[in-house]
Amino acid sequence: MKILLEPQTFLWWNMDDPVLSTRVKELIGGGKNDVYLSAVSGWKIVIKTAKGRLVLPESSIEFIPGRMSHYRFLPLPVEISHATQVYE
């Protein structure tokens, strides 16, 4: 299965927040699924951090790619074709 994490879910996962259900934790961390984080989600996290609305344990420049690498999350880039498909 392919899973696309929303920014908040990515943060909850990395902060071990109890808001995530056991089922969600199994889907993300069970090793059976491809877990993606969109470039847009990374962008949203960086913006919130820059505006002071979010505090991370380290700079977002280190936090996002470091946590993605640690958990083997895959990057999902945004292409122009993705943007144009929103219209349709």
N, C-alpha and C. Protein backbone atom coordinates (compact mmCIF):
# COMPACT_ATOMS: atom_id res chain seq x y z
N MET A 1 0.84 -1.16 0.00
CA MET A 1 0.00 0.00 0.00
C MET A 1 0.90 1.24 0.00
N LYS A 2 0.43 2.27 -0.64
CA LYS A 2 1.14 3.55 -0.63
C LYS A 2 0.40 4.50 0.30
N ILE A 3 1.16 5.14 1.17
CA ILE A 3 0.58 6.05 2.16
C ILE A 3 1.22 7.42 1.99
N LEU A 4 0.39 8.44 1.89
CA LEU A 4 0.86 9.82 1.82
C LEU A 4 0.55 10.49 3.15
N LEU A 5 1.59 10.91 3.86
CA LEU A 5 1.40 11.55 5.16
C LEU A 5 1.07 13.03 4.99
N GLU A 6 0.08 13.46 5.73
CA GLU A 6 -0.20 14.88 5.86
C GLU A 6 0.86 15.47 6.79
N PRO A 7 1.08 16.78 6.72
CA PRO A 7 2.11 17.37 7.60
C PRO A 7 1.90 17.05 9.08
N GLN A 8 0.65 17.16 9.53
CA GLN A 8 0.38 16.92 10.96
C GLN A 8 0.67 15.48 11.34
N THR A 9 0.32 14.55 10.46
CA THR A 9 0.58 13.13 10.74
C THR A 9 2.08 12.86 10.80
N PHE A 10 2.83 13.47 9.90
CA PHE A 10 4.29 13.35 9.93
C PHE A 10 4.84 13.85 11.27
N LEU A 11 4.33 14.98 11.73
CA LEU A 11 4.79 15.54 13.01
C LEU A 11 4.36 14.66 14.17
N TRP A 12 3.12 14.21 14.18
CA TRP A 12 2.65 13.34 15.25
C TRP A 12 3.49 12.06 15.31
N TRP A 13 3.80 11.50 14.16
CA TRP A 13 4.61 10.27 14.10
C TRP A 13 5.98 10.52 14.72
N ASN A 14 6.60 11.62 14.35
CA ASN A 14 7.95 11.92 14.81
C ASN A 14 8.00 12.39 16.25
N MET A 15 6.90 12.85 16.79
CA MET A 15 6.84 13.30 18.18
C MET A 15 6.22 12.22 19.07
N ASP A 16 5.93 11.05 18.47
CA ASP A 16 5.31 9.93 19.19
C ASP A 16 4.05 10.39 19.92
N ASP A 17 3.23 11.15 19.22
CA ASP A 17 2.00 11.69 19.79
C ASP A 17 0.95 10.58 19.93
N PRO A 18 0.31 10.48 21.10
CA PRO A 18 -0.68 9.42 21.31
C PRO A 18 -1.96 9.60 20.49
N VAL A 19 -2.08 10.69 19.76
CA VAL A 19 -3.27 10.90 18.94
C VAL A 19 -3.35 9.87 17.81
N LEU A 20 -2.21 9.30 17.42
CA LEU A 20 -2.21 8.29 16.36
C LEU A 20 -2.70 6.95 16.91
N SER A 21 -3.65 6.35 16.20
CA SER A 21 -4.19 5.07 16.63
C SER A 21 -3.16 3.95 16.40
N THR A 22 -3.39 2.84 17.03
CA THR A 22 -2.53 1.68 16.85
C THR A 22 -2.52 1.26 15.39
N ARG A 23 -3.66 1.30 14.73
CA ARG A 23 -3.77 0.93 13.32
C ARG A 23 -2.92 1.84 12.45
N VAL A 24 -2.98 3.14 12.69
CA VAL A 24 -2.19 4.09 11.90
C VAL A 24 -0.71 3.85 12.14
N LYS A 25 -0.33 3.61 13.38
CA LYS A 25 1.08 3.33 13.69
C LYS A 25 1.57 2.08 12.97
N GLU A 26 0.72 1.06 12.88
CA GLU A 26 1.09 -0.16 12.17
C GLU A 26 1.25 0.11 10.67
N LEU A 27 0.35 0.91 10.11
CA LEU A 27 0.42 1.21 8.68
C LEU A 27 1.69 1.99 8.34
N ILE A 28 2.04 2.95 9.19
CA ILE A 28 3.22 3.77 8.93
C ILE A 28 4.51 3.02 9.24
N GLY A 29 4.56 2.37 10.37
CA GLY A 29 5.81 1.79 10.84
C GLY A 29 5.97 0.29 10.67
N GLY A 30 4.98 -0.36 10.08
CA GLY A 30 5.03 -1.82 9.98
C GLY A 30 5.99 -2.37 8.94
N GLY A 31 6.52 -1.50 8.09
CA GLY A 31 7.48 -1.93 7.09
C GLY A 31 6.87 -2.58 5.85
N LYS A 32 5.56 -2.64 5.77
CA LYS A 32 4.91 -3.28 4.63
C LYS A 32 4.43 -2.27 3.59
N ASN A 33 4.45 -0.99 3.93
CA ASN A 33 3.89 0.03 3.06
C ASN A 33 4.95 1.04 2.63
N ASP A 34 4.74 1.64 1.48
CA ASP A 34 5.56 2.75 1.04
C ASP A 34 4.95 4.02 1.63
N VAL A 35 5.74 4.72 2.43
CA VAL A 35 5.23 5.92 3.11
C VAL A 35 5.89 7.14 2.48
N TYR A 36 5.07 8.08 2.03
CA TYR A 36 5.55 9.26 1.33
C TYR A 36 5.27 10.53 2.12
N LEU A 37 6.13 11.51 1.92
CA LEU A 37 5.89 12.87 2.41
C LEU A 37 6.06 13.79 1.21
N SER A 38 5.03 14.55 0.94
CA SER A 38 5.05 15.46 -0.20
C SER A 38 5.95 16.65 0.06
N ALA A 39 6.53 17.16 -1.00
CA ALA A 39 7.31 18.39 -0.90
C ALA A 39 6.45 19.51 -0.35
N VAL A 40 5.17 19.50 -0.68
CA VAL A 40 4.24 20.52 -0.17
C VAL A 40 4.12 20.42 1.35
N SER A 41 4.08 19.21 1.88
CA SER A 41 4.00 19.04 3.33
C SER A 41 5.25 19.58 4.02
N GLY A 42 6.40 19.28 3.43
CA GLY A 42 7.65 19.84 3.97
C GLY A 42 7.62 21.35 3.95
N TRP A 43 7.12 21.91 2.88
CA TRP A 43 7.01 23.36 2.74
C TRP A 43 6.12 23.94 3.84
N LYS A 44 4.98 23.30 4.08
CA LYS A 44 4.06 23.78 5.12
C LYS A 44 4.72 23.75 6.51
N ILE A 45 5.46 22.70 6.78
CA ILE A 45 6.14 22.59 8.08
C ILE A 45 7.18 23.70 8.23
N VAL A 46 7.94 23.96 7.18
CA VAL A 46 8.96 25.01 7.23
C VAL A 46 8.31 26.38 7.43
N ILE A 47 7.22 26.64 6.75
CA ILE A 47 6.52 27.93 6.89
C ILE A 47 6.03 28.12 8.32
N LYS A 48 5.40 27.08 8.87
CA LYS A 48 4.91 27.19 10.26
C LYS A 48 6.06 27.40 11.24
N THR A 49 7.17 26.75 11.00
CA THR A 49 8.34 26.92 11.87
C THR A 49 8.88 28.34 11.76
N ALA A 50 8.99 28.84 10.53
CA ALA A 50 9.52 30.19 10.31
C ALA A 50 8.63 31.26 10.94
N LYS A 51 7.33 31.02 10.96
CA LYS A 51 6.39 31.99 11.55
C LYS A 51 6.27 31.85 13.06
N GLY A 52 6.96 30.86 13.63
CA GLY A 52 6.92 30.67 15.08
C GLY A 52 5.70 29.91 15.57
N ARG A 53 4.94 29.32 14.66
CA ARG A 53 3.75 28.57 15.05
C ARG A 53 4.05 27.11 15.37
N LEU A 54 5.27 26.69 15.09
CA LEU A 54 5.68 25.31 15.32
C LEU A 54 7.12 25.31 15.80
N VAL A 55 7.37 24.55 16.84
CA VAL A 55 8.73 24.42 17.37
C VAL A 55 9.15 22.96 17.18
N LEU A 56 10.27 22.78 16.52
CA LEU A 56 10.81 21.45 16.29
C LEU A 56 12.04 21.23 17.18
N PRO A 57 12.41 19.98 17.44
CA PRO A 57 13.58 19.72 18.27
C PRO A 57 14.90 20.11 17.63
N GLU A 58 14.89 20.39 16.34
CA GLU A 58 16.07 20.87 15.62
C GLU A 58 15.57 21.69 14.44
N SER A 59 16.45 22.30 13.70
CA SER A 59 16.01 23.13 12.57
C SER A 59 15.26 22.26 11.56
N SER A 60 14.31 22.87 10.89
CA SER A 60 13.52 22.11 9.90
C SER A 60 14.40 21.59 8.77
N ILE A 61 15.50 22.29 8.50
CA ILE A 61 16.44 21.85 7.46
C ILE A 61 17.05 20.49 7.83
N GLU A 62 17.25 20.25 9.11
CA GLU A 62 17.78 18.97 9.58
C GLU A 62 16.66 17.98 9.91
N PHE A 63 15.60 18.49 10.51
CA PHE A 63 14.52 17.64 11.03
C PHE A 63 13.81 16.86 9.93
N ILE A 64 13.33 17.55 8.90
CA ILE A 64 12.51 16.89 7.88
C ILE A 64 13.30 15.82 7.13
N PRO A 65 14.42 16.15 6.49
CA PRO A 65 15.14 15.08 5.78
C PRO A 65 15.72 14.03 6.72
N GLY A 66 16.13 14.43 7.91
CA GLY A 66 16.68 13.47 8.86
C GLY A 66 15.65 12.44 9.30
N ARG A 67 14.45 12.91 9.59
CA ARG A 67 13.39 11.98 10.02
C ARG A 67 12.89 11.14 8.85
N MET A 68 12.84 11.74 7.67
CA MET A 68 12.44 10.96 6.49
C MET A 68 13.43 9.82 6.26
N SER A 69 14.71 10.12 6.36
CA SER A 69 15.74 9.12 6.17
C SER A 69 15.68 8.04 7.26
N HIS A 70 15.53 8.47 8.50
CA HIS A 70 15.49 7.55 9.63
C HIS A 70 14.37 6.53 9.48
N TYR A 71 13.19 6.99 9.06
CA TYR A 71 12.04 6.10 8.94
C TYR A 71 11.85 5.55 7.52
N ARG A 72 12.77 5.90 6.64
CA ARG A 72 12.71 5.45 5.25
C ARG A 72 11.45 5.92 4.54
N PHE A 73 11.01 7.13 4.86
CA PHE A 73 9.89 7.72 4.15
C PHE A 73 10.40 8.20 2.79
N LEU A 74 9.56 8.14 1.81
CA LEU A 74 9.92 8.50 0.45
C LEU A 74 9.46 9.91 0.12
N PRO A 75 10.26 10.67 -0.61
CA PRO A 75 9.83 12.01 -1.00
C PRO A 75 8.85 11.93 -2.17
N LEU A 76 7.88 12.80 -2.15
CA LEU A 76 6.94 12.91 -3.26
C LEU A 76 7.03 14.32 -3.80
N PRO A 77 7.73 14.48 -4.92
CA PRO A 77 7.87 15.82 -5.49
C PRO A 77 6.56 16.29 -6.10
N VAL A 78 6.47 17.58 -6.30
CA VAL A 78 5.30 18.16 -6.95
C VAL A 78 5.71 18.58 -8.35
N GLU A 79 4.98 18.11 -9.31
CA GLU A 79 5.22 18.42 -10.71
C GLU A 79 4.14 19.37 -11.20
N ILE A 80 4.41 20.08 -12.27
CA ILE A 80 3.41 20.95 -12.87
C ILE A 80 2.17 20.15 -13.24
N SER A 81 2.36 18.93 -13.71
CA SER A 81 1.21 18.10 -14.09
C SER A 81 0.29 17.83 -12.89
N HIS A 82 0.85 17.75 -11.68
CA HIS A 82 0.02 17.57 -10.49
C HIS A 82 -0.86 18.80 -10.27
N ALA A 83 -0.27 19.95 -10.43
CA ALA A 83 -1.02 21.20 -10.24
C ALA A 83 -2.14 21.33 -11.27
N THR A 84 -1.85 20.99 -12.51
CA THR A 84 -2.89 21.13 -13.55
C THR A 84 -3.99 20.09 -13.40
N GLN A 85 -3.69 18.94 -12.80
CA GLN A 85 -4.72 17.92 -12.59
C GLN A 85 -5.73 18.35 -11.53
N VAL A 86 -5.35 19.25 -10.64
CA VAL A 86 -6.28 19.76 -9.63
C VAL A 86 -7.47 20.41 -10.31
N TYR A 87 -7.20 21.09 -11.42
CA TYR A 87 -8.27 21.77 -12.16
C TYR A 87 -9.30 20.78 -12.66
N GLU A 88 -8.83 19.65 -13.12
CA GLU A 88 -9.73 18.66 -13.69
C GLU A 88 -10.37 17.82 -12.61
